[in-house]
Amino acid sequence: MTPLDDTDRRLLNRLQEDLPLTPRPYADVAAELGITEHDLLDRLARMKADRVITRFGPFFDAAAMGGDFCLCAMAVPEAEFETVLTKVNAHPEVAHNYERTHRLNMWFVLATETPEAITATADAIERETGLTVHRFPKLQEFFIGFRVAA
């Protein structure tokens, strides 16, 4: 893995704010940072390949579009973890899925087009796995961001 340099850090911080809605948004951001568009795209590709970033793309607010989000957790027997993981991740509504060292060892986020679809998807996962899906609906959202010291 290539260590992050100052430009990588400034790029990561800048791209968390927004992406210009222009014909060449990467060129515009690159110009702000004093690099070429090619350099910016190479840096993003390298950081993705090195798993510094796991994905790059928009974050949609499902609730603002009439849908909903819900944090969910399951207590999955260790011997069944991979099988359950495959079943859970087969649902397109699963936005993230993490293994934790806790009694509730699988945590995932459901993002659905309607609030009712949270219940339908969680119920389907319960039927498919035979395990309880604990649901932790969002009460209030706090945007904290992530900044890398440049």
N, C-alpha and C. Protein backbone atom coordinates (compact mmCIF):
# COMPACT_ATOMS: atom_id res chain seq x y z
N MET A 1 0.84 -1.18 0.00
CA MET A 1 0.00 0.00 0.00
C MET A 1 0.88 1.24 0.00
N THR A 2 0.55 2.17 -0.86
CA THR A 2 1.27 3.44 -0.94
C THR A 2 0.76 4.37 0.16
N PRO A 3 1.65 4.94 0.96
CA PRO A 3 1.20 5.88 2.00
C PRO A 3 0.49 7.09 1.39
N LEU A 4 -0.48 7.63 2.11
CA LEU A 4 -1.18 8.83 1.64
C LEU A 4 -0.26 10.03 1.72
N ASP A 5 -0.24 10.84 0.67
CA ASP A 5 0.51 12.08 0.73
C ASP A 5 -0.47 13.23 0.99
N ASP A 6 0.04 14.43 1.07
CA ASP A 6 -0.78 15.60 1.38
C ASP A 6 -1.88 15.79 0.33
N THR A 7 -1.57 15.54 -0.94
CA THR A 7 -2.58 15.70 -1.99
C THR A 7 -3.68 14.66 -1.85
N ASP A 8 -3.33 13.42 -1.53
CA ASP A 8 -4.34 12.39 -1.29
C ASP A 8 -5.29 12.83 -0.17
N ARG A 9 -4.72 13.36 0.89
CA ARG A 9 -5.53 13.77 2.04
C ARG A 9 -6.44 14.95 1.68
N ARG A 10 -5.91 15.91 0.96
CA ARG A 10 -6.74 17.05 0.54
C ARG A 10 -7.85 16.57 -0.40
N LEU A 11 -7.54 15.61 -1.27
CA LEU A 11 -8.53 15.06 -2.19
C LEU A 11 -9.65 14.36 -1.43
N LEU A 12 -9.29 13.51 -0.47
CA LEU A 12 -10.31 12.81 0.32
C LEU A 12 -11.21 13.80 1.06
N ASN A 13 -10.62 14.82 1.65
CA ASN A 13 -11.41 15.82 2.36
C ASN A 13 -12.31 16.60 1.40
N ARG A 14 -11.78 16.99 0.26
CA ARG A 14 -12.55 17.78 -0.69
C ARG A 14 -13.74 17.01 -1.25
N LEU A 15 -13.54 15.75 -1.57
CA LEU A 15 -14.62 14.98 -2.20
C LEU A 15 -15.75 14.64 -1.24
N GLN A 16 -15.54 14.82 0.04
CA GLN A 16 -16.63 14.58 1.00
C GLN A 16 -17.63 15.74 1.04
N GLU A 17 -17.24 16.87 0.49
CA GLU A 17 -18.11 18.04 0.54
C GLU A 17 -19.18 17.99 -0.54
N ASP A 18 -18.76 17.85 -1.77
CA ASP A 18 -19.69 17.72 -2.88
C ASP A 18 -18.88 17.50 -4.15
N LEU A 19 -19.58 17.20 -5.21
CA LEU A 19 -18.95 17.05 -6.51
C LEU A 19 -19.66 18.06 -7.41
N PRO A 20 -18.92 18.93 -8.06
CA PRO A 20 -19.57 19.95 -8.89
C PRO A 20 -20.46 19.32 -9.97
N LEU A 21 -21.61 19.89 -10.19
CA LEU A 21 -22.51 19.42 -11.23
C LEU A 21 -22.16 20.15 -12.52
N THR A 22 -21.08 19.73 -13.12
CA THR A 22 -20.55 20.34 -14.34
C THR A 22 -20.22 19.22 -15.33
N PRO A 23 -19.94 19.58 -16.58
CA PRO A 23 -19.59 18.54 -17.55
C PRO A 23 -18.33 17.75 -17.18
N ARG A 24 -17.39 18.36 -16.43
CA ARG A 24 -16.15 17.66 -16.06
C ARG A 24 -15.86 17.90 -14.58
N PRO A 25 -16.64 17.28 -13.70
CA PRO A 25 -16.48 17.55 -12.27
C PRO A 25 -15.10 17.18 -11.73
N TYR A 26 -14.52 16.09 -12.21
CA TYR A 26 -13.20 15.69 -11.71
C TYR A 26 -12.14 16.69 -12.14
N ALA A 27 -12.26 17.22 -13.34
CA ALA A 27 -11.32 18.24 -13.82
C ALA A 27 -11.45 19.50 -12.95
N ASP A 28 -12.67 19.86 -12.59
CA ASP A 28 -12.88 21.05 -11.76
C ASP A 28 -12.26 20.88 -10.37
N VAL A 29 -12.48 19.72 -9.75
CA VAL A 29 -11.90 19.46 -8.43
C VAL A 29 -10.38 19.40 -8.54
N ALA A 30 -9.88 18.76 -9.60
CA ALA A 30 -8.43 18.68 -9.79
C ALA A 30 -7.82 20.08 -9.89
N ALA A 31 -8.49 20.96 -10.62
CA ALA A 31 -7.98 22.34 -10.75
C ALA A 31 -7.93 23.03 -9.39
N GLU A 32 -8.96 22.81 -8.57
CA GLU A 32 -8.96 23.38 -7.21
C GLU A 32 -7.75 22.90 -6.41
N LEU A 33 -7.37 21.66 -6.62
CA LEU A 33 -6.28 21.05 -5.86
C LEU A 33 -4.91 21.26 -6.50
N GLY A 34 -4.89 21.84 -7.71
CA GLY A 34 -3.63 22.08 -8.39
C GLY A 34 -3.02 20.84 -9.01
N ILE A 35 -3.88 19.89 -9.42
CA ILE A 35 -3.40 18.68 -10.08
C ILE A 35 -4.20 18.48 -11.36
N THR A 36 -3.81 17.51 -12.16
CA THR A 36 -4.56 17.23 -13.39
C THR A 36 -5.72 16.28 -13.10
N GLU A 37 -6.69 16.28 -14.00
CA GLU A 37 -7.80 15.34 -13.88
C GLU A 37 -7.27 13.90 -13.91
N HIS A 38 -6.32 13.62 -14.76
CA HIS A 38 -5.73 12.28 -14.86
C HIS A 38 -5.11 11.87 -13.52
N ASP A 39 -4.37 12.79 -12.89
CA ASP A 39 -3.75 12.51 -11.59
C ASP A 39 -4.83 12.23 -10.53
N LEU A 40 -5.89 13.03 -10.53
CA LEU A 40 -6.97 12.82 -9.56
C LEU A 40 -7.58 11.43 -9.73
N LEU A 41 -7.90 11.05 -10.97
CA LEU A 41 -8.51 9.75 -11.21
C LEU A 41 -7.55 8.62 -10.87
N ASP A 42 -6.26 8.79 -11.16
CA ASP A 42 -5.27 7.77 -10.79
C ASP A 42 -5.20 7.62 -9.27
N ARG A 43 -5.26 8.73 -8.56
CA ARG A 43 -5.20 8.68 -7.10
C ARG A 43 -6.41 7.94 -6.54
N LEU A 44 -7.60 8.25 -7.06
CA LEU A 44 -8.80 7.55 -6.59
C LEU A 44 -8.71 6.05 -6.88
N ALA A 45 -8.24 5.69 -8.06
CA ALA A 45 -8.12 4.27 -8.42
C ALA A 45 -7.12 3.57 -7.50
N ARG A 46 -6.00 4.23 -7.20
CA ARG A 46 -4.99 3.64 -6.32
C ARG A 46 -5.55 3.46 -4.91
N MET A 47 -6.22 4.50 -4.40
CA MET A 47 -6.77 4.40 -3.03
C MET A 47 -7.85 3.33 -2.95
N LYS A 48 -8.62 3.16 -4.02
CA LYS A 48 -9.64 2.10 -4.03
C LYS A 48 -8.95 0.73 -4.08
N ALA A 49 -7.94 0.59 -4.93
CA ALA A 49 -7.21 -0.68 -5.04
C ALA A 49 -6.52 -1.03 -3.72
N ASP A 50 -6.02 -0.01 -3.01
CA ASP A 50 -5.35 -0.22 -1.72
C ASP A 50 -6.35 -0.34 -0.57
N ARG A 51 -7.64 -0.21 -0.86
CA ARG A 51 -8.73 -0.28 0.11
C ARG A 51 -8.67 0.84 1.15
N VAL A 52 -8.05 1.97 0.78
CA VAL A 52 -8.12 3.17 1.61
C VAL A 52 -9.55 3.66 1.58
N ILE A 53 -10.16 3.60 0.40
CA ILE A 53 -11.60 3.86 0.26
C ILE A 53 -12.21 2.56 -0.28
N THR A 54 -13.39 2.22 0.21
CA THR A 54 -14.02 0.98 -0.21
C THR A 54 -15.02 1.20 -1.34
N ARG A 55 -15.51 2.41 -1.45
CA ARG A 55 -16.40 2.74 -2.54
C ARG A 55 -16.34 4.24 -2.74
N PHE A 56 -16.72 4.66 -3.92
CA PHE A 56 -16.79 6.08 -4.21
C PHE A 56 -18.06 6.31 -4.99
N GLY A 57 -18.94 7.09 -4.45
CA GLY A 57 -20.20 7.35 -5.13
C GLY A 57 -21.11 8.17 -4.24
N PRO A 58 -22.30 8.45 -4.74
CA PRO A 58 -23.22 9.28 -3.98
C PRO A 58 -23.80 8.54 -2.78
N PHE A 59 -24.21 9.30 -1.81
CA PHE A 59 -24.95 8.76 -0.67
C PHE A 59 -26.36 9.32 -0.78
N PHE A 60 -27.30 8.45 -1.03
CA PHE A 60 -28.68 8.88 -1.22
C PHE A 60 -29.41 8.88 0.12
N ASP A 61 -30.20 9.90 0.35
CA ASP A 61 -31.01 9.98 1.55
C ASP A 61 -32.35 9.31 1.24
N ALA A 62 -32.45 8.05 1.58
CA ALA A 62 -33.66 7.28 1.26
C ALA A 62 -34.91 7.93 1.86
N ALA A 63 -34.80 8.46 3.07
CA ALA A 63 -35.96 9.06 3.72
C ALA A 63 -36.45 10.29 2.94
N ALA A 64 -35.52 11.09 2.43
CA ALA A 64 -35.91 12.28 1.67
C ALA A 64 -36.61 11.91 0.36
N MET A 65 -36.40 10.68 -0.11
CA MET A 65 -37.03 10.22 -1.35
C MET A 65 -38.25 9.35 -1.06
N GLY A 66 -38.73 9.36 0.20
CA GLY A 66 -39.91 8.60 0.57
C GLY A 66 -39.62 7.22 1.12
N GLY A 67 -38.35 6.86 1.21
CA GLY A 67 -37.97 5.54 1.72
C GLY A 67 -37.56 5.59 3.17
N ASP A 68 -36.70 4.67 3.57
CA ASP A 68 -36.29 4.62 4.97
C ASP A 68 -34.97 3.87 5.10
N PHE A 69 -34.31 4.09 6.23
CA PHE A 69 -33.10 3.38 6.64
C PHE A 69 -33.38 2.70 7.96
N CYS A 70 -32.70 1.59 8.22
CA CYS A 70 -32.79 0.96 9.53
C CYS A 70 -31.50 0.18 9.79
N LEU A 71 -30.92 0.41 10.96
CA LEU A 71 -29.77 -0.38 11.40
C LEU A 71 -30.33 -1.68 11.97
N CYS A 72 -29.73 -2.80 11.58
CA CYS A 72 -30.20 -4.10 12.02
C CYS A 72 -29.03 -4.91 12.57
N ALA A 73 -29.33 -5.84 13.46
CA ALA A 73 -28.29 -6.71 14.01
C ALA A 73 -28.86 -8.11 14.20
N MET A 74 -27.95 -9.08 14.12
CA MET A 74 -28.34 -10.48 14.29
C MET A 74 -27.29 -11.19 15.13
N ALA A 75 -27.73 -12.17 15.91
CA ALA A 75 -26.82 -13.06 16.63
C ALA A 75 -26.69 -14.31 15.77
N VAL A 76 -25.58 -14.43 15.06
CA VAL A 76 -25.39 -15.52 14.10
C VAL A 76 -24.39 -16.53 14.67
N PRO A 77 -24.78 -17.80 14.78
CA PRO A 77 -23.81 -18.81 15.22
C PRO A 77 -22.58 -18.80 14.30
N GLU A 78 -21.42 -18.87 14.90
CA GLU A 78 -20.16 -18.78 14.14
C GLU A 78 -20.12 -19.76 12.97
N ALA A 79 -20.57 -20.98 13.20
CA ALA A 79 -20.52 -22.01 12.16
C ALA A 79 -21.44 -21.68 10.97
N GLU A 80 -22.43 -20.82 11.18
CA GLU A 80 -23.39 -20.46 10.13
C GLU A 80 -23.13 -19.08 9.54
N PHE A 81 -22.10 -18.40 10.01
CA PHE A 81 -21.92 -17.00 9.65
C PHE A 81 -21.87 -16.78 8.14
N GLU A 82 -21.04 -17.52 7.44
CA GLU A 82 -20.89 -17.31 5.99
C GLU A 82 -22.20 -17.59 5.24
N THR A 83 -22.92 -18.62 5.65
CA THR A 83 -24.19 -18.95 5.01
C THR A 83 -25.21 -17.84 5.22
N VAL A 84 -25.30 -17.35 6.46
CA VAL A 84 -26.24 -16.27 6.76
C VAL A 84 -25.81 -14.99 6.04
N LEU A 85 -24.53 -14.72 6.04
CA LEU A 85 -24.00 -13.53 5.34
C LEU A 85 -24.44 -13.53 3.87
N THR A 86 -24.31 -14.67 3.22
CA THR A 86 -24.69 -14.78 1.81
C THR A 86 -26.18 -14.51 1.62
N LYS A 87 -27.00 -15.05 2.52
CA LYS A 87 -28.45 -14.83 2.43
C LYS A 87 -28.82 -13.37 2.67
N VAL A 88 -28.21 -12.76 3.67
CA VAL A 88 -28.51 -11.35 3.98
C VAL A 88 -28.06 -10.46 2.82
N ASN A 89 -26.83 -10.67 2.35
CA ASN A 89 -26.30 -9.81 1.30
C ASN A 89 -26.97 -10.01 -0.05
N ALA A 90 -27.75 -11.08 -0.21
CA ALA A 90 -28.48 -11.30 -1.45
C ALA A 90 -29.61 -10.29 -1.62
N HIS A 91 -29.98 -9.61 -0.54
CA HIS A 91 -31.05 -8.61 -0.60
C HIS A 91 -30.46 -7.28 -1.06
N PRO A 92 -30.98 -6.72 -2.15
CA PRO A 92 -30.44 -5.45 -2.65
C PRO A 92 -30.65 -4.29 -1.67
N GLU A 93 -31.54 -4.46 -0.71
CA GLU A 93 -31.80 -3.40 0.28
C GLU A 93 -30.68 -3.30 1.32
N VAL A 94 -29.79 -4.29 1.39
CA VAL A 94 -28.70 -4.27 2.37
C VAL A 94 -27.61 -3.34 1.85
N ALA A 95 -27.43 -2.23 2.57
CA ALA A 95 -26.48 -1.20 2.12
C ALA A 95 -25.07 -1.46 2.66
N HIS A 96 -24.96 -1.94 3.87
CA HIS A 96 -23.66 -2.22 4.50
C HIS A 96 -23.85 -3.46 5.37
N ASN A 97 -22.79 -4.21 5.57
CA ASN A 97 -22.87 -5.38 6.44
C ASN A 97 -21.52 -5.57 7.10
N TYR A 98 -21.51 -5.64 8.42
CA TYR A 98 -20.26 -5.74 9.18
C TYR A 98 -20.33 -6.87 10.20
N GLU A 99 -19.22 -7.57 10.36
CA GLU A 99 -19.09 -8.56 11.43
C GLU A 99 -18.50 -7.86 12.64
N ARG A 100 -19.06 -8.15 13.82
CA ARG A 100 -18.59 -7.54 15.07
C ARG A 100 -18.28 -8.63 16.08
N THR A 101 -17.42 -8.32 17.02
CA THR A 101 -17.13 -9.24 18.13
C THR A 101 -18.07 -8.87 19.27
N HIS A 102 -19.24 -9.42 19.22
CA HIS A 102 -20.32 -9.10 20.16
C HIS A 102 -21.34 -10.22 20.03
N ARG A 103 -22.20 -10.37 21.01
CA ARG A 103 -23.27 -11.36 20.89
C ARG A 103 -24.06 -11.12 19.60
N LEU A 104 -24.39 -9.86 19.33
CA LEU A 104 -24.99 -9.49 18.04
C LEU A 104 -23.81 -9.26 17.10
N ASN A 105 -23.43 -10.28 16.37
CA ASN A 105 -22.17 -10.24 15.62
C ASN A 105 -22.31 -9.86 14.15
N MET A 106 -23.53 -9.68 13.66
CA MET A 106 -23.74 -9.19 12.30
C MET A 106 -24.59 -7.93 12.35
N TRP A 107 -24.04 -6.85 11.83
CA TRP A 107 -24.74 -5.56 11.80
C TRP A 107 -24.84 -5.10 10.36
N PHE A 108 -26.03 -4.68 9.95
CA PHE A 108 -26.20 -4.21 8.58
C PHE A 108 -27.23 -3.10 8.54
N VAL A 109 -27.23 -2.37 7.45
CA VAL A 109 -28.17 -1.27 7.24
C VAL A 109 -29.09 -1.66 6.09
N LEU A 110 -30.39 -1.48 6.32
CA LEU A 110 -31.36 -1.63 5.25
C LEU A 110 -31.73 -0.25 4.74
N ALA A 111 -31.75 -0.09 3.44
CA ALA A 111 -32.18 1.16 2.79
C ALA A 111 -33.25 0.76 1.78
N THR A 112 -34.46 1.25 2.01
CA THR A 112 -35.59 0.80 1.19
C THR A 112 -36.34 1.98 0.57
N GLU A 113 -37.12 1.67 -0.45
CA GLU A 113 -37.88 2.70 -1.16
C GLU A 113 -39.10 3.18 -0.40
N THR A 114 -39.56 2.36 0.56
CA THR A 114 -40.71 2.76 1.39
C THR A 114 -40.42 2.32 2.82
N PRO A 115 -40.99 3.02 3.79
CA PRO A 115 -40.80 2.58 5.18
C PRO A 115 -41.31 1.16 5.42
N GLU A 116 -42.38 0.77 4.75
CA GLU A 116 -42.95 -0.57 4.91
C GLU A 116 -41.99 -1.66 4.43
N ALA A 117 -41.15 -1.32 3.49
CA ALA A 117 -40.22 -2.31 2.94
C ALA A 117 -39.14 -2.70 3.94
N ILE A 118 -38.89 -1.87 4.96
CA ILE A 118 -37.95 -2.26 6.02
C ILE A 118 -38.49 -3.52 6.70
N THR A 119 -39.75 -3.46 7.10
CA THR A 119 -40.37 -4.59 7.77
C THR A 119 -40.40 -5.81 6.87
N ALA A 120 -40.78 -5.62 5.61
CA ALA A 120 -40.87 -6.75 4.68
C ALA A 120 -39.50 -7.40 4.47
N THR A 121 -38.45 -6.59 4.32
CA THR A 121 -37.12 -7.14 4.07
C THR A 121 -36.58 -7.84 5.32
N ALA A 122 -36.71 -7.19 6.48
CA ALA A 122 -36.24 -7.82 7.72
C ALA A 122 -37.00 -9.11 8.00
N ASP A 123 -38.30 -9.11 7.76
CA ASP A 123 -39.09 -10.33 7.95
C ASP A 123 -38.63 -11.43 7.00
N ALA A 124 -38.32 -11.07 5.75
CA ALA A 124 -37.85 -12.07 4.78
C ALA A 124 -36.51 -12.66 5.22
N ILE A 125 -35.62 -11.83 5.73
CA ILE A 125 -34.32 -12.32 6.21
C ILE A 125 -34.53 -13.28 7.38
N GLU A 126 -35.45 -12.94 8.27
CA GLU A 126 -35.75 -13.85 9.40
C GLU A 126 -36.26 -15.20 8.89
N ARG A 127 -37.17 -15.18 7.91
CA ARG A 127 -37.70 -16.43 7.37
C ARG A 127 -36.59 -17.26 6.71
N GLU A 128 -35.73 -16.58 5.96
CA GLU A 128 -34.67 -17.28 5.21
C GLU A 128 -33.58 -17.85 6.11
N THR A 129 -33.31 -17.18 7.22
CA THR A 129 -32.19 -17.59 8.09
C THR A 129 -32.64 -18.31 9.35
N GLY A 130 -33.91 -18.12 9.74
CA GLY A 130 -34.40 -18.68 11.00
C GLY A 130 -33.87 -17.92 12.22
N LEU A 131 -33.31 -16.73 11.99
CA LEU A 131 -32.74 -15.92 13.08
C LEU A 131 -33.48 -14.59 13.21
N THR A 132 -33.49 -14.04 14.41
CA THR A 132 -34.13 -12.76 14.66
C THR A 132 -33.30 -11.62 14.09
N VAL A 133 -33.97 -10.70 13.41
CA VAL A 133 -33.34 -9.46 12.95
C VAL A 133 -33.78 -8.36 13.93
N HIS A 134 -32.84 -7.90 14.74
CA HIS A 134 -33.12 -6.80 15.67
C HIS A 134 -33.05 -5.50 14.88
N ARG A 135 -34.08 -4.67 15.04
CA ARG A 135 -34.19 -3.44 14.23
C ARG A 135 -34.01 -2.22 15.12
N PHE A 136 -33.14 -1.33 14.67
CA PHE A 136 -32.84 -0.10 15.40
C PHE A 136 -33.10 1.08 14.47
N PRO A 137 -34.37 1.51 14.40
CA PRO A 137 -34.69 2.60 13.47
C PRO A 137 -34.02 3.91 13.90
N LYS A 138 -33.74 4.73 12.92
CA LYS A 138 -33.10 6.02 13.17
C LYS A 138 -34.08 6.95 13.89
N LEU A 139 -33.62 7.54 14.99
CA LEU A 139 -34.42 8.53 15.70
C LEU A 139 -34.04 9.94 15.25
N GLN A 140 -32.74 10.16 15.07
CA GLN A 140 -32.25 11.46 14.64
C GLN A 140 -30.93 11.23 13.92
N GLU A 141 -30.68 11.99 12.87
CA GLU A 141 -29.45 11.83 12.11
C GLU A 141 -28.47 12.94 12.46
N PHE A 142 -27.22 12.55 12.61
CA PHE A 142 -26.14 13.50 12.87
C PHE A 142 -25.07 13.28 11.80
N PHE A 143 -24.73 14.31 11.07
CA PHE A 143 -23.67 14.18 10.07
C PHE A 143 -22.38 14.62 10.72
N ILE A 144 -21.43 13.69 10.82
CA ILE A 144 -20.17 14.02 11.49
C ILE A 144 -19.02 14.16 10.50
N GLY A 145 -19.10 13.55 9.34
CA GLY A 145 -18.03 13.65 8.35
C GLY A 145 -16.78 12.96 8.83
N PHE A 146 -15.82 12.90 7.96
CA PHE A 146 -14.53 12.29 8.27
C PHE A 146 -13.48 13.12 7.57
N ARG A 147 -12.57 13.64 8.30
CA ARG A 147 -11.51 14.46 7.73
C ARG A 147 -10.17 13.83 8.01
N VAL A 148 -9.30 13.89 7.00
CA VAL A 148 -7.95 13.35 7.12
C VAL A 148 -7.01 14.53 7.31
N ALA A 149 -6.17 14.48 8.32
CA ALA A 149 -5.23 15.59 8.55
C ALA A 149 -4.31 15.74 7.34
N ALA A 150 -4.32 16.92 6.78
CA ALA A 150 -3.49 17.19 5.59
C ALA A 150 -2.20 17.91 5.98
